[in-house]
Amino acid sequence: MANVEQKKYGLPILVVDDDEQQRLLLQMLLEREGYQVFRAADGKDALEIFEVNPEIRLVITDLEMPRMNGFELVRAIRKHQIRYAYIIVLTSVGDKQSLLKALSEGADDFLTKPAMEEELHLRIANGMRLLRQQSQDELILALAKLAEYRSDETGCHLERVQLYTKILAMDLADNCPELNITYIMAEEIAKVSPLHDIGKVAIPDYILHKPGKLTEEEFEIMKRHAMLGGSILEEIYLKTQSPYLQLAYEIAAYHHEKYDGTGYPSQLSGDDIPLGARIMALADVYDALASKRCYKSDMSHGVARDIIVKESGGHFDPKVVDAFLRQEDVWLTVHDKFQDNLVSEL
């Protein structure tokens, strides 16, 4: 096993180079900024260190090394599906072919040797931004799955709803400039849409899984999931100030509001309902209508479509309904591909 310097600093970084002076230089520059440094002299030792230290998410590696070179190391790390590591490769000046090969193998960025301190820290900062984004995405998925496991919505519900919201949001970005929705915002709405029912984690099982119609009292309890989900995500948003989580909060809290003001929990109407929630409302209702649940059979697309159109201006924002109709062919492709009985084919 290679020499490993393990000091209780911040972000762990694995430095891989057969040149001891280069390893020591990088270690000095990194530890001076408070990073925890692991060192290896070749790819084989580096892979062993990476495999037994799951906290390592950033790797800086040379390309030409004995036993296992940097290209092989990049390929081996990319086979680890459990976690993503940001990989920066060290290249010589003018060695464009090696750089292109490393990037094609899965490297994220590069540093020209000898590494300059300012450039080193800029490259690491880029990597940390990407890793933070991925961690946020992993949190969103984990929270969404938590709610899904407890509800009656199984199979590909989250996948369908995510794609439905993206279809609607992208169409609105193209066709409704007055809504001021950008492509980036459309992507963000879709990304956090799986969190719409996170509040169901607090609803009793006997209500979530009841095979028949809920009583009036049971329905009042079920309706709390919107307020509870909004509260959960609002609390996280206030601590992180993440724009993602602000959208997630709005969708979770208000996706059961109706355009005519008869929804819940706040009886908002029209444009007072956040746009993400208005988009989510249609996507969620359509999927509920067109999917089999423990208390109902599924409807055909045509029947579900007619209900959506009839509720334009009532339950749903007419602009969102128009987007649904414009994108009906794409919508049907998603509906057909992500059927719950075809999960194994995905």
Protein backbone atom coordinates (compact mmCIF):
# COMPACT_ATOMS: atom_id res chain seq x y z
CA MET A 1 0.00 0.00 0.00
CA ALA A 2 1.28 3.45 -0.89
CA ASN A 3 2.12 6.05 1.68
CA VAL A 4 -1.08 7.79 2.81
CA GLU A 5 -1.01 11.14 4.56
CA GLN A 6 -4.32 11.32 6.41
CA LYS A 7 -4.81 14.49 8.39
CA LYS A 8 -8.14 15.59 9.79
CA TYR A 9 -8.71 18.46 7.42
CA GLY A 10 -11.53 19.21 5.05
CA LEU A 11 -12.37 17.71 1.67
CA PRO A 12 -10.31 14.54 1.04
CA ILE A 13 -8.29 14.61 -2.19
CA LEU A 14 -6.37 11.67 -3.65
CA VAL A 15 -3.11 12.67 -5.36
CA VAL A 16 -1.61 10.06 -7.71
CA ASP A 17 1.84 10.50 -9.28
CA ASP A 18 4.97 8.34 -9.54
CA ASP A 19 7.10 11.48 -9.21
CA GLU A 20 7.60 11.96 -5.46
CA GLN A 21 8.49 15.64 -5.81
CA GLN A 22 5.27 16.29 -7.71
CA ARG A 23 3.27 14.44 -5.04
CA LEU A 24 4.91 16.45 -2.26
CA LEU A 25 4.34 19.75 -4.12
CA LEU A 26 0.64 19.04 -4.58
CA GLN A 27 0.31 17.86 -0.99
CA MET A 28 1.90 21.04 0.30
CA LEU A 29 -0.34 23.28 -1.84
CA LEU A 30 -3.48 21.39 -0.88
CA GLU A 31 -2.82 21.04 2.84
CA ARG A 32 -2.02 24.73 3.03
CA GLU A 33 -5.63 25.32 1.97
CA GLY A 34 -6.98 22.86 4.53
CA TYR A 35 -7.60 19.80 2.37
CA GLN A 36 -7.03 16.25 3.58
CA VAL A 37 -4.52 14.53 1.28
CA PHE A 38 -4.18 10.86 0.34
CA ARG A 39 -1.11 9.98 -1.79
CA ALA A 40 -0.32 7.10 -4.13
CA ALA A 41 2.59 6.43 -6.49
CA ASP A 42 0.61 4.54 -9.16
CA GLY A 43 -2.89 3.73 -10.26
CA LYS A 44 -3.08 0.34 -8.55
CA ASP A 45 -2.35 1.76 -5.10
CA ALA A 46 -4.62 4.70 -5.82
CA LEU A 47 -7.53 2.40 -6.68
CA GLU A 48 -7.05 0.50 -3.41
CA ILE A 49 -7.13 3.76 -1.46
CA PHE A 50 -10.19 4.97 -3.37
CA GLU A 51 -12.09 1.74 -2.73
CA VAL A 52 -11.57 1.72 1.05
CA ASN A 53 -12.11 5.47 1.59
CA PRO A 54 -15.62 6.33 0.35
CA GLU A 55 -15.21 9.95 1.46
CA ILE A 56 -12.78 10.59 -1.42
CA ARG A 57 -14.71 12.41 -4.16
CA LEU A 58 -11.86 14.26 -5.90
CA VAL A 59 -8.80 12.69 -7.57
CA ILE A 60 -5.75 14.37 -9.14
CA THR A 61 -3.74 11.89 -11.20
CA ASP A 62 -0.75 11.74 -13.52
CA LEU A 63 -1.24 9.77 -16.72
CA GLU A 64 2.07 7.97 -17.28
CA MET A 65 2.74 5.69 -14.28
CA PRO A 66 3.90 2.08 -13.69
CA ARG A 67 1.64 -0.91 -12.91
CA MET A 68 -1.61 1.00 -13.64
CA ASN A 69 -1.45 4.25 -15.60
CA GLY A 70 -3.76 7.21 -15.28
CA PHE A 71 -5.99 6.21 -18.19
CA GLU A 72 -6.61 2.81 -16.60
CA LEU A 73 -7.25 4.45 -13.23
CA VAL A 74 -9.85 6.78 -14.72
CA ARG A 75 -11.63 3.83 -16.32
CA ALA A 76 -11.55 1.84 -13.08
CA ILE A 77 -12.95 4.72 -11.02
CA ARG A 78 -15.73 5.28 -13.52
CA LYS A 79 -16.85 1.67 -12.98
CA HIS A 80 -17.79 2.61 -9.40
CA GLN A 81 -21.48 3.40 -9.75
CA ILE A 82 -22.06 4.02 -6.04
CA ARG A 83 -20.37 7.41 -5.99
CA TYR A 84 -19.04 9.92 -8.49
CA ALA A 85 -15.50 11.23 -8.20
CA TYR A 86 -14.30 14.39 -9.92
CA ILE A 87 -11.05 13.50 -11.73
CA ILE A 88 -8.38 16.03 -12.69
CA VAL A 89 -5.52 14.69 -14.84
CA LEU A 90 -1.98 16.06 -14.95
CA THR A 91 -0.66 16.60 -18.47
CA SER A 92 2.53 17.89 -20.04
CA VAL A 93 2.57 21.11 -22.07
CA GLY A 94 1.48 20.39 -25.63
CA ASP A 95 0.41 16.78 -24.99
CA LYS A 96 -3.00 17.26 -26.55
CA GLN A 97 -3.48 13.62 -27.56
CA SER A 98 -3.05 12.32 -24.00
CA LEU A 99 -5.45 14.96 -22.71
CA LEU A 100 -8.12 14.07 -25.26
CA LYS A 101 -7.71 10.37 -24.47
CA ALA A 102 -8.05 11.03 -20.71
CA LEU A 103 -11.19 13.12 -21.24
CA SER A 104 -12.66 10.41 -23.46
CA GLU A 105 -12.03 7.85 -20.70
CA GLY A 106 -14.03 9.96 -18.23
CA ALA A 107 -11.70 12.60 -16.76
CA ASP A 108 -13.42 15.87 -15.83
CA ASP A 109 -10.62 18.44 -16.01
CA PHE A 110 -6.87 18.82 -16.40
CA LEU A 111 -3.82 20.59 -14.98
CA THR A 112 -0.64 21.31 -16.90
CA LYS A 113 2.57 20.28 -15.12
CA PRO A 114 4.14 21.80 -13.13
CA ALA A 115 0.91 22.71 -11.35
CA MET A 116 0.47 26.41 -10.57
CA GLU A 117 -1.16 27.13 -7.22
CA GLU A 118 -3.85 29.52 -8.45
CA GLU A 119 -4.88 27.23 -11.32
CA LEU A 120 -4.92 24.21 -8.99
CA HIS A 121 -7.38 25.84 -6.61
CA LEU A 122 -9.59 27.07 -9.46
CA ARG A 123 -9.82 23.55 -10.88
CA ILE A 124 -10.68 22.13 -7.46
CA ALA A 125 -13.31 24.83 -6.92
CA ASN A 126 -14.94 23.79 -10.21
CA GLY A 127 -14.96 20.19 -9.05
CA MET A 128 -16.47 21.06 -5.69
CA ARG A 129 -19.30 22.96 -7.38
CA LEU A 130 -20.15 19.92 -9.46
CA LEU A 131 -19.96 17.58 -6.46
CA ARG A 132 -22.20 19.85 -4.39
CA GLN A 133 -24.72 19.86 -7.24
CA GLN A 134 -24.61 16.08 -7.45
CA SER A 135 -25.03 15.76 -3.69
CA GLN A 136 -28.09 17.97 -3.89
CA ASP A 137 -29.51 15.81 -6.68
CA GLU A 138 -28.86 12.69 -4.59
CA LEU A 139 -30.70 14.30 -1.66
CA ILE A 140 -33.68 15.13 -3.85
CA LEU A 141 -33.87 11.56 -5.14
CA ALA A 142 -33.48 10.04 -1.66
CA LEU A 143 -36.25 12.22 -0.22
CA ALA A 144 -38.51 11.46 -3.17
CA LYS A 145 -37.98 7.71 -2.83
CA LEU A 146 -38.73 7.96 0.89
CA ALA A 147 -42.18 9.35 0.11
CA GLU A 148 -42.74 6.90 -2.73
CA TYR A 149 -42.01 3.86 -0.56
CA ARG A 150 -44.78 4.90 1.83
CA SER A 151 -47.40 5.84 -0.72
CA ASP A 152 -49.54 3.84 -3.10
CA GLU A 153 -47.70 5.25 -6.11
CA THR A 154 -45.27 2.59 -7.29
CA GLY A 155 -43.46 1.66 -10.46
CA CYS A 156 -42.40 4.57 -12.67
CA HIS A 157 -44.59 7.31 -11.18
CA LEU A 158 -41.66 9.58 -10.30
CA GLU A 159 -39.98 9.08 -13.66
CA ARG A 160 -43.15 9.85 -15.58
CA VAL A 161 -44.02 12.91 -13.52
CA GLN A 162 -40.49 14.26 -13.88
CA LEU A 163 -40.64 13.94 -17.66
CA TYR A 164 -44.19 15.31 -17.85
CA THR A 165 -43.19 18.43 -15.91
CA LYS A 166 -40.15 18.90 -18.14
CA ILE A 167 -42.29 18.61 -21.29
CA LEU A 168 -44.73 21.23 -19.99
CA ALA A 169 -42.09 23.62 -18.64
CA MET A 170 -39.99 23.50 -21.82
CA ASP A 171 -43.05 24.17 -23.96
CA LEU A 172 -44.03 27.14 -21.80
CA ALA A 173 -40.46 28.50 -22.07
CA ASP A 174 -40.81 28.39 -25.87
CA ASN A 175 -44.39 29.60 -26.26
CA CYS A 176 -45.25 31.81 -23.27
CA PRO A 177 -42.58 34.51 -22.88
CA GLU A 178 -44.88 36.43 -20.54
CA LEU A 179 -44.30 33.72 -17.91
CA ASN A 180 -40.57 34.53 -17.82
CA ILE A 181 -39.63 30.85 -17.60
CA THR A 182 -36.14 30.00 -18.84
CA TYR A 183 -34.83 26.62 -19.97
CA ILE A 184 -32.76 26.47 -16.81
CA MET A 185 -35.84 27.04 -14.67
CA ALA A 186 -37.69 24.40 -16.68
CA GLU A 187 -34.93 21.90 -15.94
CA GLU A 188 -35.00 22.81 -12.25
CA ILE A 189 -38.77 22.36 -12.01
CA ALA A 190 -38.43 18.89 -13.52
CA LYS A 191 -35.50 18.01 -11.27
CA VAL A 192 -37.34 18.75 -8.02
CA SER A 193 -40.76 17.50 -9.16
CA PRO A 194 -40.25 14.05 -7.52
CA LEU A 195 -40.47 15.82 -4.15
CA HIS A 196 -44.07 16.91 -4.66
CA ASP A 197 -45.48 14.31 -2.26
CA ILE A 198 -42.71 14.28 0.36
CA GLY A 199 -45.32 15.24 2.97
CA LYS A 200 -46.89 11.77 2.65
CA VAL A 201 -44.17 10.44 4.97
CA ALA A 202 -46.31 11.85 7.80
CA ILE A 203 -49.63 10.35 6.67
CA PRO A 204 -50.77 7.12 8.38
CA ASP A 205 -50.51 3.89 6.36
CA TYR A 206 -54.18 3.04 6.81
CA ILE A 207 -55.02 6.14 4.80
CA LEU A 208 -52.22 5.91 2.22
CA HIS A 209 -53.06 2.30 1.38
CA LYS A 210 -56.82 2.27 1.82
CA PRO A 211 -58.29 0.28 -1.11
CA GLY A 212 -61.50 2.31 -1.24
CA LYS A 213 -62.71 5.90 -1.13
CA LEU A 214 -61.52 7.94 1.84
CA THR A 215 -64.03 9.24 4.36
CA GLU A 216 -64.33 13.00 4.74
CA GLU A 217 -62.24 12.85 7.91
CA GLU A 218 -59.59 10.67 6.25
CA PHE A 219 -59.41 12.99 3.27
CA GLU A 220 -58.80 15.96 5.57
CA ILE A 221 -55.85 14.07 7.05
CA MET A 222 -54.57 13.17 3.57
CA LYS A 223 -54.76 16.81 2.51
CA ARG A 224 -52.23 17.72 5.20
CA HIS A 225 -49.42 16.18 3.13
CA ALA A 226 -49.18 19.34 1.00
CA MET A 227 -48.71 21.63 4.00
CA LEU A 228 -46.36 19.14 5.71
CA GLY A 229 -44.25 18.65 2.59
CA GLY A 230 -44.01 22.38 2.08
CA SER A 231 -42.94 22.89 5.70
CA ILE A 232 -40.22 20.23 5.45
CA LEU A 233 -38.71 21.73 2.31
CA GLU A 234 -39.17 25.34 3.40
CA GLU A 235 -37.16 24.64 6.54
CA ILE A 236 -34.32 23.16 4.49
CA TYR A 237 -34.53 26.04 2.00
CA LEU A 238 -34.28 28.69 4.73
CA LYS A 239 -31.08 27.04 5.97
CA THR A 240 -29.46 26.52 2.55
CA GLN A 241 -31.01 29.33 0.43
CA SER A 242 -30.90 26.88 -2.48
CA PRO A 243 -33.06 28.02 -5.43
CA TYR A 244 -33.72 24.33 -6.13
CA LEU A 245 -35.32 23.88 -2.74
CA GLN A 246 -37.39 27.02 -3.07
CA LEU A 247 -38.96 25.53 -6.19
CA ALA A 248 -39.35 22.20 -4.42
CA TYR A 249 -41.10 23.92 -1.50
CA GLU A 250 -43.52 25.72 -3.83
CA ILE A 251 -44.35 22.54 -5.73
CA ALA A 252 -44.86 20.42 -2.61
CA ALA A 253 -46.94 23.03 -0.82
CA TYR A 254 -49.17 24.20 -3.67
CA HIS A 255 -49.53 21.43 -6.29
CA HIS A 256 -53.06 20.72 -5.02
CA GLU A 257 -54.19 24.32 -5.46
CA LYS A 258 -56.67 24.84 -8.29
CA TYR A 259 -56.64 27.66 -10.81
CA ASP A 260 -60.17 28.70 -9.81
CA GLY A 261 -59.25 28.92 -6.11
CA THR A 262 -61.04 25.79 -4.88
CA GLY A 263 -57.93 23.73 -4.09
CA TYR A 264 -55.92 23.28 -0.91
CA PRO A 265 -54.25 24.07 1.44
CA SER A 266 -54.43 27.86 0.86
CA GLN A 267 -57.17 28.30 -1.78
CA LEU A 268 -54.81 30.24 -4.02
CA SER A 269 -56.04 31.04 -7.52
CA GLY A 270 -54.67 32.03 -10.91
CA ASP A 271 -51.15 33.41 -11.06
CA ASP A 272 -50.98 33.53 -7.26
CA ILE A 273 -50.22 29.80 -7.49
CA PRO A 274 -46.47 29.39 -8.20
CA LEU A 275 -45.84 28.34 -11.79
CA GLY A 276 -44.01 25.17 -10.81
CA ALA A 277 -47.03 24.07 -8.79
CA ARG A 278 -49.42 24.81 -11.68
CA ILE A 279 -47.28 22.64 -13.95
CA MET A 280 -47.04 19.92 -11.33
CA ALA A 281 -50.81 19.91 -10.81
CA LEU A 282 -51.50 18.82 -14.37
CA ALA A 283 -48.67 16.28 -14.51
CA ASP A 284 -49.69 14.69 -11.21
CA VAL A 285 -53.41 14.52 -11.96
CA TYR A 286 -52.83 13.04 -15.40
CA ASP A 287 -50.58 10.34 -13.97
CA ALA A 288 -53.12 9.57 -11.25
CA LEU A 289 -55.87 9.22 -13.84
CA ALA A 290 -53.86 7.13 -16.29
CA SER A 291 -52.26 4.78 -13.72
CA LYS A 292 -53.63 1.89 -11.73
CA ARG A 293 -53.79 2.47 -7.97
CA CYS A 294 -54.89 0.34 -5.04
CA TYR A 295 -58.26 2.13 -5.07
CA LYS A 296 -58.89 2.44 -8.84
CA SER A 297 -58.14 1.09 -12.30
CA ASP A 298 -56.28 3.08 -14.92
CA MET A 299 -57.98 5.27 -17.52
CA SER A 300 -57.09 5.46 -21.19
CA HIS A 301 -55.12 8.46 -22.41
CA GLY A 302 -58.17 9.73 -24.29
CA VAL A 303 -60.38 9.76 -21.19
CA ALA A 304 -57.65 11.38 -19.08
CA ARG A 305 -57.07 13.96 -21.83
CA ASP A 306 -60.76 14.87 -21.95
CA ILE A 307 -60.83 15.40 -18.18
CA ILE A 308 -57.75 17.64 -18.36
CA VAL A 309 -59.25 19.74 -21.17
CA LYS A 310 -62.60 20.04 -19.37
CA GLU A 311 -60.79 21.36 -16.27
CA SER A 312 -58.92 24.10 -18.15
CA GLY A 313 -59.54 27.29 -16.19
CA GLY A 314 -61.02 25.27 -13.34
CA HIS A 315 -58.48 22.90 -11.88
CA PHE A 316 -55.71 23.80 -14.32
CA ASP A 317 -54.00 26.88 -15.73
CA PRO A 318 -55.25 27.19 -19.35
CA LYS A 319 -51.71 27.94 -20.55
CA VAL A 320 -50.46 24.71 -19.02
CA VAL A 321 -53.33 22.79 -20.62
CA ASP A 322 -52.43 24.34 -23.99
CA ALA A 323 -48.83 23.19 -23.49
CA PHE A 324 -50.10 19.68 -22.75
CA LEU A 325 -52.10 19.65 -25.98
CA ARG A 326 -49.20 21.00 -28.06
CA GLN A 327 -46.94 18.27 -26.72
CA GLU A 328 -49.44 15.42 -26.74
CA ASP A 329 -47.39 13.20 -29.07
CA VAL A 330 -44.26 13.52 -26.90
CA TRP A 331 -46.40 13.03 -23.79
CA LEU A 332 -47.80 9.76 -25.14
CA THR A 333 -44.29 8.51 -25.88
CA VAL A 334 -43.37 8.97 -22.22
CA HIS A 335 -46.64 7.41 -21.06
CA ASP A 336 -46.10 4.32 -23.22
CA LYS A 337 -42.40 3.87 -22.49
CA PHE A 338 -42.62 4.24 -18.72
CA GLN A 339 -45.47 1.86 -18.00
CA ASP A 340 -45.21 0.25 -14.56
CA ASN A 341 -45.19 -3.25 -16.04
CA LEU A 342 -42.23 -2.38 -18.26
CA VAL A 343 -39.80 -1.31 -15.54
CA SER A 344 -37.36 -4.08 -16.45
CA GLU A 345 -36.99 -2.66 -19.95
CA LEU A 346 -35.92 0.81 -18.84
